[in-house]
Amino acid sequence: MEKIFEKKLKITTRDDYDVILSHVKKLITEATENGSLDDPEADNEYIREIGRLSVLGANYEDEYIKFEYIKRRTPVRTAKKLHKSLNIDTKLLEYA
């Protein structure tokens, strides 16, 4: 089993995120084929590595992907209202 990003505690690029998604899919396939996922109570290297990478990916999603969605989907009129009523920086809410 190949491990990636062993020393990273956080990822900050979409490229790293995409690598993690691809690798997790590969690990799930390998673990399924060799029976490492047969026991739902199992604790093995596949489960730990899939979990570790999933946390890295989830943290990236929470910090970057949801923000990108909000940034792209916030109309100018709504951004102005949010800025006026909640004093939210308009640069964070620009319509892209």
N, C-alpha and C. Protein backbone atom coordinates (compact mmCIF):
# COMPACT_ATOMS: atom_id res chain seq x y z
N MET A 1 0.84 -1.18 0.00
CA MET A 1 0.00 0.00 0.00
C MET A 1 0.89 1.24 0.00
N GLU A 2 0.63 2.08 -0.96
CA GLU A 2 1.38 3.34 -1.07
C GLU A 2 0.71 4.42 -0.22
N LYS A 3 1.54 5.13 0.55
CA LYS A 3 1.04 6.25 1.35
C LYS A 3 1.48 7.55 0.69
N ILE A 4 0.62 8.56 0.77
CA ILE A 4 0.95 9.88 0.22
C ILE A 4 0.72 10.94 1.29
N PHE A 5 1.38 12.07 1.13
CA PHE A 5 1.22 13.23 2.02
C PHE A 5 1.37 12.83 3.50
N GLU A 6 2.33 11.96 3.80
CA GLU A 6 2.49 11.47 5.17
C GLU A 6 2.84 12.58 6.16
N LYS A 7 3.57 13.57 5.71
CA LYS A 7 4.02 14.62 6.63
C LYS A 7 3.12 15.85 6.63
N LYS A 8 2.11 15.85 5.77
CA LYS A 8 1.23 17.01 5.69
C LYS A 8 0.10 16.92 6.70
N LEU A 9 -0.15 18.05 7.35
CA LEU A 9 -1.28 18.15 8.26
C LEU A 9 -2.43 18.89 7.62
N LYS A 10 -2.13 19.53 6.47
CA LYS A 10 -3.14 20.34 5.79
C LYS A 10 -2.78 20.44 4.31
N ILE A 11 -3.78 20.42 3.45
CA ILE A 11 -3.55 20.68 2.04
C ILE A 11 -4.24 21.99 1.68
N THR A 12 -3.66 22.70 0.72
CA THR A 12 -4.19 24.01 0.37
C THR A 12 -4.38 24.21 -1.12
N THR A 13 -4.16 23.17 -1.92
CA THR A 13 -4.33 23.33 -3.36
C THR A 13 -5.33 22.31 -3.90
N ARG A 14 -5.98 22.70 -4.97
CA ARG A 14 -6.94 21.80 -5.61
C ARG A 14 -6.24 20.57 -6.19
N ASP A 15 -5.00 20.77 -6.66
CA ASP A 15 -4.25 19.63 -7.20
C ASP A 15 -4.02 18.56 -6.13
N ASP A 16 -3.61 18.99 -4.93
CA ASP A 16 -3.42 18.03 -3.83
C ASP A 16 -4.74 17.34 -3.47
N TYR A 17 -5.81 18.10 -3.45
CA TYR A 17 -7.13 17.56 -3.16
C TYR A 17 -7.52 16.49 -4.18
N ASP A 18 -7.29 16.78 -5.46
CA ASP A 18 -7.61 15.81 -6.50
C ASP A 18 -6.77 14.55 -6.39
N VAL A 19 -5.49 14.70 -6.01
CA VAL A 19 -4.62 13.55 -5.81
C VAL A 19 -5.14 12.69 -4.66
N ILE A 20 -5.56 13.34 -3.60
CA ILE A 20 -6.10 12.61 -2.45
C ILE A 20 -7.36 11.84 -2.84
N LEU A 21 -8.28 12.48 -3.55
CA LEU A 21 -9.50 11.78 -3.97
C LEU A 21 -9.18 10.54 -4.80
N SER A 22 -8.28 10.70 -5.74
CA SER A 22 -7.89 9.59 -6.60
C SER A 22 -7.24 8.47 -5.79
N HIS A 23 -6.38 8.85 -4.87
CA HIS A 23 -5.68 7.84 -4.07
C HIS A 23 -6.63 7.11 -3.13
N VAL A 24 -7.57 7.82 -2.54
CA VAL A 24 -8.54 7.17 -1.66
C VAL A 24 -9.37 6.16 -2.45
N LYS A 25 -9.78 6.51 -3.65
CA LYS A 25 -10.53 5.56 -4.48
C LYS A 25 -9.69 4.31 -4.76
N LYS A 26 -8.40 4.53 -5.06
CA LYS A 26 -7.50 3.41 -5.32
C LYS A 26 -7.35 2.53 -4.08
N LEU A 27 -7.18 3.16 -2.91
CA LEU A 27 -7.04 2.40 -1.67
C LEU A 27 -8.30 1.60 -1.34
N ILE A 28 -9.45 2.19 -1.59
CA ILE A 28 -10.71 1.48 -1.32
C ILE A 28 -10.82 0.26 -2.23
N THR A 29 -10.43 0.42 -3.48
CA THR A 29 -10.46 -0.71 -4.41
C THR A 29 -9.51 -1.81 -3.95
N GLU A 30 -8.27 -1.44 -3.61
CA GLU A 30 -7.29 -2.42 -3.13
C GLU A 30 -7.79 -3.12 -1.87
N ALA A 31 -8.28 -2.34 -0.91
CA ALA A 31 -8.72 -2.89 0.37
C ALA A 31 -9.92 -3.82 0.19
N THR A 32 -10.79 -3.48 -0.74
CA THR A 32 -11.94 -4.33 -1.02
C THR A 32 -11.48 -5.65 -1.63
N GLU A 33 -10.56 -5.56 -2.57
CA GLU A 33 -10.07 -6.77 -3.24
C GLU A 33 -9.32 -7.71 -2.30
N ASN A 34 -8.57 -7.15 -1.35
CA ASN A 34 -7.79 -8.03 -0.47
C ASN A 34 -8.50 -8.35 0.84
N GLY A 35 -9.75 -7.89 0.99
CA GLY A 35 -10.55 -8.25 2.16
C GLY A 35 -10.35 -7.37 3.38
N SER A 36 -9.60 -6.29 3.25
CA SER A 36 -9.32 -5.42 4.40
C SER A 36 -10.55 -4.65 4.88
N LEU A 37 -11.58 -4.59 4.07
CA LEU A 37 -12.80 -3.88 4.47
C LEU A 37 -13.95 -4.81 4.81
N ASP A 38 -13.67 -6.11 4.86
CA ASP A 38 -14.73 -7.09 5.12
C ASP A 38 -15.32 -6.96 6.52
N ASP A 39 -14.48 -6.70 7.50
CA ASP A 39 -14.94 -6.59 8.89
C ASP A 39 -15.15 -5.11 9.23
N PRO A 40 -16.40 -4.69 9.50
CA PRO A 40 -16.66 -3.28 9.80
C PRO A 40 -15.97 -2.78 11.07
N GLU A 41 -15.55 -3.68 11.93
CA GLU A 41 -14.85 -3.32 13.17
C GLU A 41 -13.33 -3.36 13.02
N ALA A 42 -12.85 -3.68 11.84
CA ALA A 42 -11.41 -3.85 11.63
C ALA A 42 -10.66 -2.53 11.79
N ASP A 43 -9.42 -2.67 12.22
CA ASP A 43 -8.51 -1.53 12.30
C ASP A 43 -7.22 -1.99 11.64
N ASN A 44 -7.04 -1.58 10.40
CA ASN A 44 -5.84 -1.99 9.68
C ASN A 44 -5.25 -0.80 8.94
N GLU A 45 -4.13 -1.01 8.27
CA GLU A 45 -3.43 0.10 7.63
C GLU A 45 -4.27 0.77 6.53
N TYR A 46 -5.08 0.01 5.83
CA TYR A 46 -5.93 0.60 4.80
C TYR A 46 -6.96 1.54 5.41
N ILE A 47 -7.62 1.08 6.44
CA ILE A 47 -8.65 1.90 7.09
C ILE A 47 -8.04 3.17 7.68
N ARG A 48 -6.89 3.03 8.32
CA ARG A 48 -6.23 4.20 8.90
C ARG A 48 -5.81 5.20 7.82
N GLU A 49 -5.25 4.69 6.72
CA GLU A 49 -4.78 5.59 5.66
C GLU A 49 -5.96 6.25 4.94
N ILE A 50 -7.00 5.51 4.66
CA ILE A 50 -8.20 6.09 4.04
C ILE A 50 -8.79 7.15 4.96
N GLY A 51 -8.84 6.88 6.24
CA GLY A 51 -9.35 7.85 7.20
C GLY A 51 -8.50 9.11 7.27
N ARG A 52 -7.18 8.94 7.33
CA ARG A 52 -6.27 10.10 7.40
C ARG A 52 -6.42 10.99 6.17
N LEU A 53 -6.43 10.37 4.99
CA LEU A 53 -6.56 11.15 3.76
C LEU A 53 -7.95 11.78 3.64
N SER A 54 -8.96 11.08 4.12
CA SER A 54 -10.31 11.63 4.08
C SER A 54 -10.43 12.88 4.94
N VAL A 55 -9.76 12.87 6.08
CA VAL A 55 -9.77 14.06 6.95
C VAL A 55 -9.07 15.22 6.26
N LEU A 56 -7.92 14.96 5.63
CA LEU A 56 -7.23 16.03 4.88
C LEU A 56 -8.14 16.60 3.80
N GLY A 57 -8.81 15.72 3.07
CA GLY A 57 -9.71 16.18 2.01
C GLY A 57 -10.91 16.94 2.55
N ALA A 58 -11.49 16.46 3.63
CA ALA A 58 -12.65 17.13 4.23
C ALA A 58 -12.28 18.51 4.75
N ASN A 59 -11.11 18.62 5.36
CA ASN A 59 -10.66 19.92 5.86
C ASN A 59 -10.46 20.90 4.70
N TYR A 60 -9.91 20.41 3.59
CA TYR A 60 -9.75 21.26 2.41
C TYR A 60 -11.12 21.71 1.90
N GLU A 61 -12.07 20.78 1.83
CA GLU A 61 -13.42 21.13 1.38
C GLU A 61 -14.04 22.20 2.27
N ASP A 62 -13.92 22.02 3.57
CA ASP A 62 -14.51 22.98 4.50
C ASP A 62 -13.92 24.37 4.33
N GLU A 63 -12.61 24.43 4.12
CA GLU A 63 -11.95 25.73 4.08
C GLU A 63 -11.98 26.38 2.70
N TYR A 64 -11.89 25.61 1.65
CA TYR A 64 -11.73 26.19 0.32
C TYR A 64 -12.90 25.96 -0.63
N ILE A 65 -13.41 24.78 -0.72
CA ILE A 65 -14.41 24.48 -1.74
C ILE A 65 -15.74 25.15 -1.43
N LYS A 66 -16.22 25.08 -0.19
CA LYS A 66 -17.48 25.75 0.14
C LYS A 66 -17.35 27.25 -0.05
N PHE A 67 -16.18 27.80 0.29
CA PHE A 67 -15.94 29.24 0.08
C PHE A 67 -16.02 29.58 -1.40
N GLU A 68 -15.40 28.73 -2.24
CA GLU A 68 -15.44 28.98 -3.68
C GLU A 68 -16.88 28.97 -4.18
N TYR A 69 -17.70 28.05 -3.67
CA TYR A 69 -19.09 27.97 -4.09
C TYR A 69 -19.84 29.23 -3.70
N ILE A 70 -19.66 29.67 -2.48
CA ILE A 70 -20.32 30.90 -2.02
C ILE A 70 -19.87 32.08 -2.86
N LYS A 71 -18.59 32.17 -3.10
CA LYS A 71 -18.04 33.29 -3.87
C LYS A 71 -18.63 33.33 -5.27
N ARG A 72 -18.73 32.19 -5.91
CA ARG A 72 -19.24 32.16 -7.29
C ARG A 72 -20.74 32.38 -7.35
N ARG A 73 -21.46 31.97 -6.34
CA ARG A 73 -22.92 31.96 -6.40
C ARG A 73 -23.59 33.16 -5.73
N THR A 74 -22.84 34.06 -5.15
CA THR A 74 -23.44 35.19 -4.46
C THR A 74 -23.65 36.35 -5.43
N PRO A 75 -24.89 36.68 -5.75
CA PRO A 75 -25.15 37.80 -6.65
C PRO A 75 -24.69 39.12 -6.02
N VAL A 76 -24.40 40.08 -6.86
CA VAL A 76 -23.90 41.37 -6.41
C VAL A 76 -24.88 42.02 -5.44
N ARG A 77 -26.15 41.99 -5.76
CA ARG A 77 -27.15 42.62 -4.89
C ARG A 77 -27.13 42.00 -3.49
N THR A 78 -27.04 40.68 -3.43
CA THR A 78 -26.98 40.00 -2.13
C THR A 78 -25.70 40.33 -1.40
N ALA A 79 -24.59 40.38 -2.12
CA ALA A 79 -23.31 40.73 -1.51
C ALA A 79 -23.36 42.12 -0.90
N LYS A 80 -23.97 43.06 -1.60
CA LYS A 80 -24.08 44.43 -1.08
C LYS A 80 -24.94 44.45 0.20
N LYS A 81 -26.04 43.70 0.20
CA LYS A 81 -26.89 43.65 1.39
C LYS A 81 -26.15 43.02 2.57
N LEU A 82 -25.41 41.96 2.30
CA LEU A 82 -24.64 41.32 3.36
C LEU A 82 -23.58 42.26 3.91
N HIS A 83 -22.95 43.00 3.00
CA HIS A 83 -21.94 43.96 3.44
C HIS A 83 -22.56 45.05 4.30
N LYS A 84 -23.69 45.55 3.87
CA LYS A 84 -24.34 46.65 4.58
C LYS A 84 -24.89 46.20 5.94
N SER A 85 -25.57 45.05 5.96
CA SER A 85 -26.22 44.64 7.20
C SER A 85 -25.29 43.91 8.17
N LEU A 86 -24.33 43.15 7.64
CA LEU A 86 -23.46 42.36 8.51
C LEU A 86 -22.00 42.80 8.48
N ASN A 87 -21.72 43.82 7.68
CA ASN A 87 -20.36 44.34 7.54
C ASN A 87 -19.38 43.26 7.06
N ILE A 88 -19.84 42.42 6.13
CA ILE A 88 -18.99 41.38 5.54
C ILE A 88 -18.23 42.00 4.38
N ASP A 89 -16.94 41.73 4.31
CA ASP A 89 -16.08 42.28 3.26
C ASP A 89 -16.62 41.88 1.88
N THR A 90 -16.88 42.85 1.04
CA THR A 90 -17.43 42.57 -0.29
C THR A 90 -16.46 41.77 -1.15
N LYS A 91 -15.19 41.87 -0.90
CA LYS A 91 -14.23 41.09 -1.69
C LYS A 91 -14.46 39.59 -1.48
N LEU A 92 -14.95 39.21 -0.31
CA LEU A 92 -15.25 37.80 -0.05
C LEU A 92 -16.50 37.35 -0.76
N LEU A 93 -17.33 38.30 -1.15
CA LEU A 93 -18.63 37.95 -1.71
C LEU A 93 -18.80 38.39 -3.16
N GLU A 94 -17.70 38.70 -3.83
CA GLU A 94 -17.79 39.18 -5.21
C GLU A 94 -18.49 38.15 -6.09
N TYR A 95 -19.24 38.63 -7.01
CA TYR A 95 -19.89 37.76 -7.98
C TYR A 95 -18.88 37.45 -9.07
N ALA A 96 -18.61 36.17 -9.29
CA ALA A 96 -17.59 35.80 -10.28
C ALA A 96 -18.23 35.38 -11.57
